[in-house]
Amino acid sequence: MPMMRPVAFSLHSALANWQWTPFSLVVVAVLVAVAYWYLRADWLLATRGRRWPARRTIPFLAGLVAVDMALQSPVAVFTQRYFQAHVVQHLLLMIVAPPLLAFGAPSTLLLQTASRRTKARWLAVLRSKPFAVLTHPVTVWSLYFGFMFGFFLTSLINTAMNDMWIMDVINVVFLLGGTLYWWPIVGLDPIVHWRMGYGARMANVLVGAAPETFLGVVILLERQPIASMYSVASTHAGGGLLWGSTEIATIIAFVPLFLGWVRSEERAARRADARADAIAAAGAAGADEVDLELAGIDARDVAEKRSRWMSPTDKARVAAWEAAWMAKAGAVPEEQSAEA
């Protein structure tokens, strides 16, 4: 793709200067096709009497718009003159669009609406070793943070901005890295090999903020333009924007994760209370023993402690009071030895 002519910022240029290059047209075509598939799958579920929630559809479509804003809107045009615009493009591709797309749970929608053959193929991809390697936390962090540092702190940014087909490829890599990073953090679509609990997700967001903040500070302190088409002032403004937006994005991402963790703990506590109450009711009704499987308790938690003297049949059944204790506290008191 040939280098674009830099455009000075004005209200007119901010509204009118959209890209119509071959790459941007391909981007628009792909985004329209993906949006069509998503809405058609939504409609297909509705015809089967199942409702796909709007809280999934709206973020997904917003994520597609964010990608278009990054790669076709005046933001992309202004990257030729203002480093701030380049940072905005980076944020749209790596921090804004990926979590919005992940909130749309497209993989789940695909598995619910696709043909049996398509489902089998997609599940084969999810379970494959190459996908396991690609989604491994080390690979994701290297692609997300390592590539980002390599781009902004070396001459690669200057090379790419002077040969825009390279920049187009790099932007696609940025979007891929952001998608792989945010997919398990949002946690709606399953990743077979690497699952994150709420604690790991919150830690990932907090720890992940440090490298981007550090990168913003380093750029802010640069004494030379980060690339030949940018001024020192623009470089510093972009570094400050990256620093500040990272802090804001971290808070925005952390708060819903924390609230989701609190709600999950409350739901787990309610389930444990309900099991304990049901077991206690069974005991009050005269049941001396309770089946562990029916009580929702892992028999190994009890049987491992008592395996020396319990028969295989008894290992799956315990006294009602023990089952209630297990459901409530997650463990049973240790039996005292006969000598004691």
Protein backbone atom coordinates (compact mmCIF):
# COMPACT_ATOMS: atom_id res chain seq x y z
CA MET A 1 0.00 0.00 0.00
CA PRO A 2 1.51 3.39 -0.91
CA MET A 3 2.23 5.96 1.74
CA MET A 4 -0.68 8.32 2.36
CA ARG A 5 -0.34 12.09 2.25
CA PRO A 6 -0.39 13.54 5.80
CA VAL A 7 -3.58 15.39 6.66
CA ALA A 8 -3.71 18.38 9.02
CA PHE A 9 -6.27 18.16 11.81
CA SER A 10 -9.47 20.18 11.47
CA LEU A 11 -13.13 19.52 12.13
CA HIS A 12 -13.71 18.89 8.43
CA SER A 13 -10.76 16.51 8.08
CA ALA A 14 -11.77 14.71 11.29
CA LEU A 15 -15.16 13.91 9.76
CA ALA A 16 -14.43 13.58 6.05
CA ASN A 17 -11.05 11.88 5.61
CA TRP A 18 -11.88 8.19 5.54
CA GLN A 19 -9.56 5.70 3.88
CA TRP A 20 -10.66 3.98 0.67
CA THR A 21 -7.51 1.99 -0.02
CA PRO A 22 -7.66 -1.69 -1.04
CA PHE A 23 -6.76 -2.77 2.52
CA SER A 24 -9.44 -0.60 4.12
CA LEU A 25 -12.05 -1.85 1.65
CA VAL A 26 -11.13 -5.44 2.49
CA VAL A 27 -11.48 -4.57 6.17
CA VAL A 28 -14.97 -3.14 5.60
CA ALA A 29 -16.02 -6.19 3.57
CA VAL A 30 -14.81 -8.60 6.27
CA LEU A 31 -16.49 -6.64 9.07
CA VAL A 32 -19.79 -6.48 7.17
CA ALA A 33 -19.61 -10.23 6.50
CA VAL A 34 -18.93 -11.00 10.17
CA ALA A 35 -21.76 -8.71 11.30
CA TYR A 36 -24.13 -10.40 8.81
CA TRP A 37 -23.17 -13.86 10.09
CA TYR A 38 -23.61 -12.82 13.72
CA LEU A 39 -27.06 -11.23 13.20
CA ARG A 40 -28.19 -14.15 11.04
CA ALA A 41 -27.11 -16.61 13.76
CA ASP A 42 -28.99 -14.49 16.31
CA TRP A 43 -32.10 -14.65 14.11
CA LEU A 44 -31.66 -18.41 13.60
CA LEU A 45 -31.69 -18.98 17.36
CA ALA A 46 -34.85 -16.88 17.63
CA THR A 47 -36.59 -19.09 15.04
CA ARG A 48 -35.80 -22.06 17.29
CA GLY A 49 -37.43 -20.38 20.26
CA ARG A 50 -34.15 -19.44 21.94
CA ARG A 51 -33.20 -15.87 22.67
CA TRP A 52 -29.63 -14.64 22.22
CA PRO A 53 -29.22 -11.76 24.72
CA ALA A 54 -28.80 -8.21 23.50
CA ARG A 55 -26.00 -7.76 26.05
CA ARG A 56 -23.98 -10.05 23.76
CA THR A 57 -25.05 -8.64 20.38
CA ILE A 58 -24.53 -4.95 21.14
CA PRO A 59 -20.92 -5.24 22.42
CA PHE A 60 -19.97 -7.48 19.49
CA LEU A 61 -21.26 -5.03 16.90
CA ALA A 62 -19.58 -2.19 18.82
CA GLY A 63 -16.31 -4.13 18.63
CA LEU A 64 -16.63 -4.39 14.86
CA VAL A 65 -17.22 -0.64 14.68
CA ALA A 66 -14.10 -0.07 16.82
CA VAL A 67 -12.02 -2.10 14.36
CA ASP A 68 -13.37 -0.06 11.45
CA MET A 69 -12.65 3.17 13.34
CA ALA A 70 -9.06 2.05 13.82
CA LEU A 71 -8.37 0.94 10.25
CA GLN A 72 -10.57 3.05 7.99
CA SER A 73 -11.75 6.18 9.79
CA PRO A 74 -9.86 9.50 9.99
CA VAL A 75 -7.98 7.99 12.95
CA ALA A 76 -6.06 5.86 10.44
CA VAL A 77 -5.47 8.88 8.20
CA PHE A 78 -4.14 11.03 11.04
CA THR A 79 -1.58 8.39 12.03
CA GLN A 80 0.57 9.74 9.18
CA ARG A 81 1.03 13.03 11.01
CA TYR A 82 0.11 12.69 14.69
CA PHE A 83 1.48 10.07 17.04
CA GLN A 84 -1.56 10.62 19.28
CA ALA A 85 -3.70 9.19 16.46
CA HIS A 86 -1.38 6.21 16.25
CA VAL A 87 -1.88 5.58 19.97
CA VAL A 88 -5.67 5.87 19.55
CA GLN A 89 -5.47 3.32 16.74
CA HIS A 90 -3.40 1.04 18.97
CA LEU A 91 -5.92 1.36 21.83
CA LEU A 92 -8.87 0.62 19.55
CA LEU A 93 -7.21 -2.52 18.17
CA MET A 94 -5.83 -3.91 21.43
CA ILE A 95 -7.90 -2.58 24.35
CA VAL A 96 -11.30 -1.52 23.01
CA ALA A 97 -12.30 -3.88 20.19
CA PRO A 98 -11.05 -7.25 21.57
CA PRO A 99 -12.98 -7.27 24.88
CA LEU A 100 -16.11 -5.99 23.13
CA LEU A 101 -15.86 -8.80 20.59
CA ALA A 102 -15.24 -11.31 23.39
CA PHE A 103 -18.36 -10.10 25.22
CA GLY A 104 -20.28 -11.12 22.11
CA ALA A 105 -19.28 -14.80 22.69
CA PRO A 106 -19.06 -15.56 18.94
CA SER A 107 -17.61 -19.04 19.50
CA THR A 108 -20.57 -20.03 21.67
CA LEU A 109 -23.01 -18.60 19.12
CA LEU A 110 -21.26 -20.54 16.36
CA LEU A 111 -21.52 -23.81 18.29
CA GLN A 112 -25.21 -23.21 18.94
CA THR A 113 -26.19 -22.41 15.36
CA ALA A 114 -23.73 -24.04 12.95
CA SER A 115 -24.18 -27.34 11.16
CA ARG A 116 -22.85 -30.50 12.75
CA ARG A 117 -19.88 -30.59 10.37
CA THR A 118 -18.95 -26.95 11.13
CA LYS A 119 -19.26 -27.59 14.86
CA ALA A 120 -16.99 -30.61 14.60
CA ARG A 121 -14.39 -28.64 12.65
CA TRP A 122 -14.45 -25.70 15.07
CA LEU A 123 -14.21 -28.00 18.10
CA ALA A 124 -11.28 -29.74 16.43
CA VAL A 125 -9.57 -26.35 16.14
CA LEU A 126 -10.27 -25.49 19.79
CA ARG A 127 -8.89 -28.84 20.95
CA SER A 128 -5.85 -28.90 18.63
CA LYS A 129 -2.26 -28.64 19.84
CA PRO A 130 -1.44 -25.61 17.63
CA PHE A 131 -4.37 -23.73 19.19
CA ALA A 132 -3.17 -24.79 22.65
CA VAL A 133 0.25 -23.31 21.86
CA LEU A 134 -1.25 -20.15 20.36
CA THR A 135 -3.46 -19.53 23.41
CA HIS A 136 -0.81 -20.46 25.98
CA PRO A 137 -0.31 -17.54 28.42
CA VAL A 138 3.40 -17.29 27.52
CA THR A 139 2.60 -17.08 23.80
CA VAL A 140 -0.18 -14.55 24.38
CA TRP A 141 1.93 -12.29 26.59
CA SER A 142 4.82 -12.45 24.10
CA LEU A 143 2.51 -11.59 21.21
CA TYR A 144 0.68 -8.86 23.13
CA PHE A 145 3.42 -7.13 25.12
CA GLY A 146 6.61 -8.32 23.43
CA PHE A 147 5.47 -7.30 19.96
CA MET A 148 4.19 -3.98 21.31
CA PHE A 149 7.57 -3.10 22.86
CA GLY A 150 9.42 -4.30 19.78
CA PHE A 151 7.27 -2.06 17.61
CA PHE A 152 7.27 1.16 19.62
CA LEU A 153 10.82 1.09 20.99
CA THR A 154 12.72 0.14 17.83
CA SER A 155 12.99 1.48 14.30
CA LEU A 156 10.18 -0.85 13.23
CA ILE A 157 7.57 1.87 13.73
CA ASN A 158 9.44 4.21 11.39
CA THR A 159 9.89 1.46 8.79
CA ALA A 160 6.22 0.47 8.96
CA MET A 161 4.90 4.02 8.79
CA ASN A 162 6.96 4.63 5.66
CA ASP A 163 5.78 1.42 4.00
CA MET A 164 2.12 1.10 4.87
CA TRP A 165 1.57 -2.49 3.77
CA ILE A 166 3.87 -3.46 6.64
CA MET A 167 1.79 -1.29 8.97
CA ASP A 168 -1.37 -3.00 7.75
CA VAL A 169 0.06 -6.43 8.62
CA ILE A 170 1.24 -5.18 12.02
CA ASN A 171 -2.22 -3.80 12.81
CA VAL A 172 -3.73 -7.21 12.07
CA VAL A 173 -1.17 -8.78 14.44
CA PHE A 174 -2.07 -6.20 17.10
CA LEU A 175 -5.75 -7.12 16.78
CA LEU A 176 -4.94 -10.83 16.98
CA GLY A 177 -2.77 -10.31 20.07
CA GLY A 178 -5.47 -8.25 21.75
CA THR A 179 -8.11 -10.88 20.95
CA LEU A 180 -6.03 -13.71 22.42
CA TYR A 181 -5.25 -11.61 25.51
CA TRP A 182 -8.84 -10.55 26.30
CA TRP A 183 -10.64 -13.75 25.29
CA PRO A 184 -9.86 -15.70 28.52
CA ILE A 185 -10.16 -12.57 30.68
CA VAL A 186 -13.74 -11.96 29.55
CA GLY A 187 -14.28 -15.69 29.91
CA LEU A 188 -17.59 -16.14 28.08
CA ASP A 189 -16.32 -18.29 25.21
CA PRO A 190 -14.58 -21.49 26.30
CA ILE A 191 -10.87 -22.01 25.73
CA VAL A 192 -10.37 -25.73 26.17
CA HIS A 193 -6.73 -25.74 27.25
CA TRP A 194 -6.33 -22.65 29.43
CA ARG A 195 -9.12 -21.62 31.76
CA MET A 196 -8.86 -18.65 34.12
CA GLY A 197 -10.70 -18.26 37.39
CA TYR A 198 -11.69 -14.81 38.55
CA GLY A 199 -8.51 -14.46 40.59
CA ALA A 200 -6.29 -15.16 37.58
CA ARG A 201 -8.32 -12.78 35.41
CA MET A 202 -8.05 -9.92 37.90
CA ALA A 203 -4.33 -10.56 38.36
CA ASN A 204 -3.83 -10.62 34.59
CA VAL A 205 -5.50 -7.23 34.22
CA LEU A 206 -3.54 -5.64 37.07
CA VAL A 207 -0.17 -7.12 36.12
CA GLY A 208 -0.77 -6.44 32.43
CA ALA A 209 -1.27 -2.74 33.08
CA ALA A 210 2.34 -2.34 34.21
CA PRO A 211 4.10 -2.96 30.86
CA GLU A 212 1.82 -0.58 28.94
CA THR A 213 2.14 2.08 31.62
CA PHE A 214 5.93 1.69 31.53
CA LEU A 215 5.88 1.93 27.73
CA GLY A 216 3.85 5.14 27.90
CA VAL A 217 6.29 6.67 30.38
CA VAL A 218 9.31 5.68 28.26
CA ILE A 219 7.78 7.29 25.17
CA LEU A 220 6.83 10.36 27.22
CA LEU A 221 10.49 10.79 28.18
CA GLU A 222 11.88 10.39 24.64
CA ARG A 223 14.09 13.26 23.45
CA GLN A 224 13.70 12.39 19.78
CA PRO A 225 10.58 11.82 17.67
CA ILE A 226 9.50 8.20 17.79
CA ALA A 227 9.29 8.20 13.96
CA SER A 228 10.34 10.58 11.21
CA MET A 229 6.81 11.85 10.46
CA TYR A 230 6.13 12.84 14.09
CA SER A 231 7.32 15.78 16.17
CA VAL A 232 8.76 15.51 19.66
CA ALA A 233 5.64 17.20 21.05
CA SER A 234 3.41 14.71 19.28
CA THR A 235 5.56 11.85 20.57
CA HIS A 236 5.24 13.08 24.15
CA ALA A 237 1.51 13.64 23.79
CA GLY A 238 1.08 10.09 22.49
CA GLY A 239 3.14 8.66 25.34
CA GLY A 240 1.06 10.52 27.89
CA LEU A 241 -2.13 9.35 26.21
CA LEU A 242 -0.95 5.73 26.31
CA TRP A 243 -0.01 6.04 29.98
CA GLY A 244 -3.26 7.68 31.07
CA SER A 245 -5.59 5.53 28.96
CA THR A 246 -3.95 2.35 30.27
CA GLU A 247 -4.72 3.36 33.85
CA ILE A 248 -8.34 4.14 32.96
CA ALA A 249 -8.75 0.92 30.95
CA THR A 250 -7.37 -1.12 33.86
CA ILE A 251 -9.99 0.28 36.23
CA ILE A 252 -12.78 -0.20 33.70
CA ALA A 253 -11.74 -3.84 33.15
CA PHE A 254 -11.03 -4.66 36.81
CA VAL A 255 -14.30 -3.42 38.34
CA PRO A 256 -16.68 -5.76 36.44
CA LEU A 257 -14.30 -8.67 37.03
CA PHE A 258 -14.30 -7.97 40.76
CA LEU A 259 -18.09 -7.66 40.84
CA GLY A 260 -18.41 -10.88 38.84
CA TRP A 261 -16.15 -12.65 41.34
CA VAL A 262 -18.25 -11.40 44.26
CA ARG A 263 -21.44 -12.59 42.56
CA SER A 264 -19.91 -16.00 41.79
CA GLU A 265 -18.88 -16.42 45.43
CA GLU A 266 -22.38 -15.48 46.54
CA ARG A 267 -23.90 -18.01 44.14
CA ALA A 268 -21.51 -20.71 45.36
CA ALA A 269 -22.42 -19.92 48.96
CA ARG A 270 -26.15 -20.13 48.16
CA ARG A 271 -25.66 -23.49 46.44
CA ALA A 272 -23.70 -24.80 49.42
CA ASP A 273 -26.41 -23.57 51.80
CA ALA A 274 -29.11 -25.22 49.69
CA ARG A 275 -27.25 -28.53 49.64
CA ALA A 276 -26.60 -28.39 53.36
CA ASP A 277 -30.25 -27.58 54.07
CA ALA A 278 -31.42 -30.45 51.84
CA ILE A 279 -29.04 -32.88 53.53
CA ALA A 280 -30.06 -31.66 56.97
CA ALA A 281 -33.71 -32.12 56.02
CA ALA A 282 -32.93 -35.68 54.91
CA GLY A 283 -31.29 -36.33 58.23
CA ALA A 284 -34.23 -34.88 60.13
CA ALA A 285 -36.54 -37.13 58.13
CA GLY A 286 -34.70 -40.15 59.47
CA ALA A 287 -32.01 -40.78 56.86
CA ASP A 288 -28.89 -41.99 58.65
CA GLU A 289 -26.76 -41.86 55.49
CA VAL A 290 -26.69 -39.67 52.38
CA ASP A 291 -25.42 -40.54 48.89
CA LEU A 292 -22.46 -38.25 48.18
CA GLU A 293 -23.20 -38.00 44.44
CA LEU A 294 -26.75 -36.87 45.10
CA ALA A 295 -25.45 -34.39 47.66
CA GLY A 296 -23.07 -32.86 45.10
CA ILE A 297 -19.94 -33.81 47.07
CA ASP A 298 -16.78 -35.35 45.69
CA ALA A 299 -16.54 -38.77 47.30
CA ARG A 300 -12.73 -38.59 47.19
CA ASP A 301 -12.72 -35.76 49.73
CA VAL A 302 -14.17 -38.16 52.29
CA ALA A 303 -13.05 -41.55 51.02
CA GLU A 304 -9.33 -40.69 50.87
CA LYS A 305 -9.34 -40.09 54.62
CA ARG A 306 -11.23 -43.25 55.36
CA SER A 307 -10.07 -45.60 52.61
CA ARG A 308 -8.37 -48.01 55.01
CA TRP A 309 -11.53 -49.06 56.77
CA MET A 310 -14.40 -48.16 54.41
CA SER A 311 -15.70 -50.68 51.90
CA PRO A 312 -16.09 -49.60 48.24
CA THR A 313 -19.85 -49.35 48.76
CA ASP A 314 -19.56 -47.30 51.94
CA LYS A 315 -17.09 -44.86 50.33
CA ALA A 316 -19.95 -43.38 48.32
CA ARG A 317 -22.16 -42.90 51.39
CA VAL A 318 -21.55 -41.04 54.65
CA ALA A 319 -23.59 -40.05 57.65
CA ALA A 320 -26.10 -37.25 57.03
CA TRP A 321 -24.32 -34.93 59.45
CA GLU A 322 -20.99 -35.49 57.64
CA ALA A 323 -22.56 -34.74 54.26
CA ALA A 324 -24.11 -31.55 55.63
CA TRP A 325 -20.73 -30.53 57.07
CA MET A 326 -19.03 -31.21 53.73
CA ALA A 327 -21.61 -29.19 51.79
CA LYS A 328 -21.25 -26.24 54.13
CA ALA A 329 -17.55 -26.20 55.00
CA GLY A 330 -15.95 -28.24 52.23
CA ALA A 331 -14.36 -30.74 54.64
CA VAL A 332 -15.24 -33.06 57.52
CA PRO A 333 -13.55 -33.16 60.92
CA GLU A 334 -10.73 -35.67 61.14
CA GLU A 335 -11.74 -38.89 62.88
CA GLN A 336 -9.86 -39.47 66.09
CA SER A 337 -7.87 -42.64 66.25
CA ALA A 338 -9.06 -45.53 68.35
CA GLU A 339 -6.06 -45.10 70.65
CA ALA A 340 -7.14 -41.54 71.39
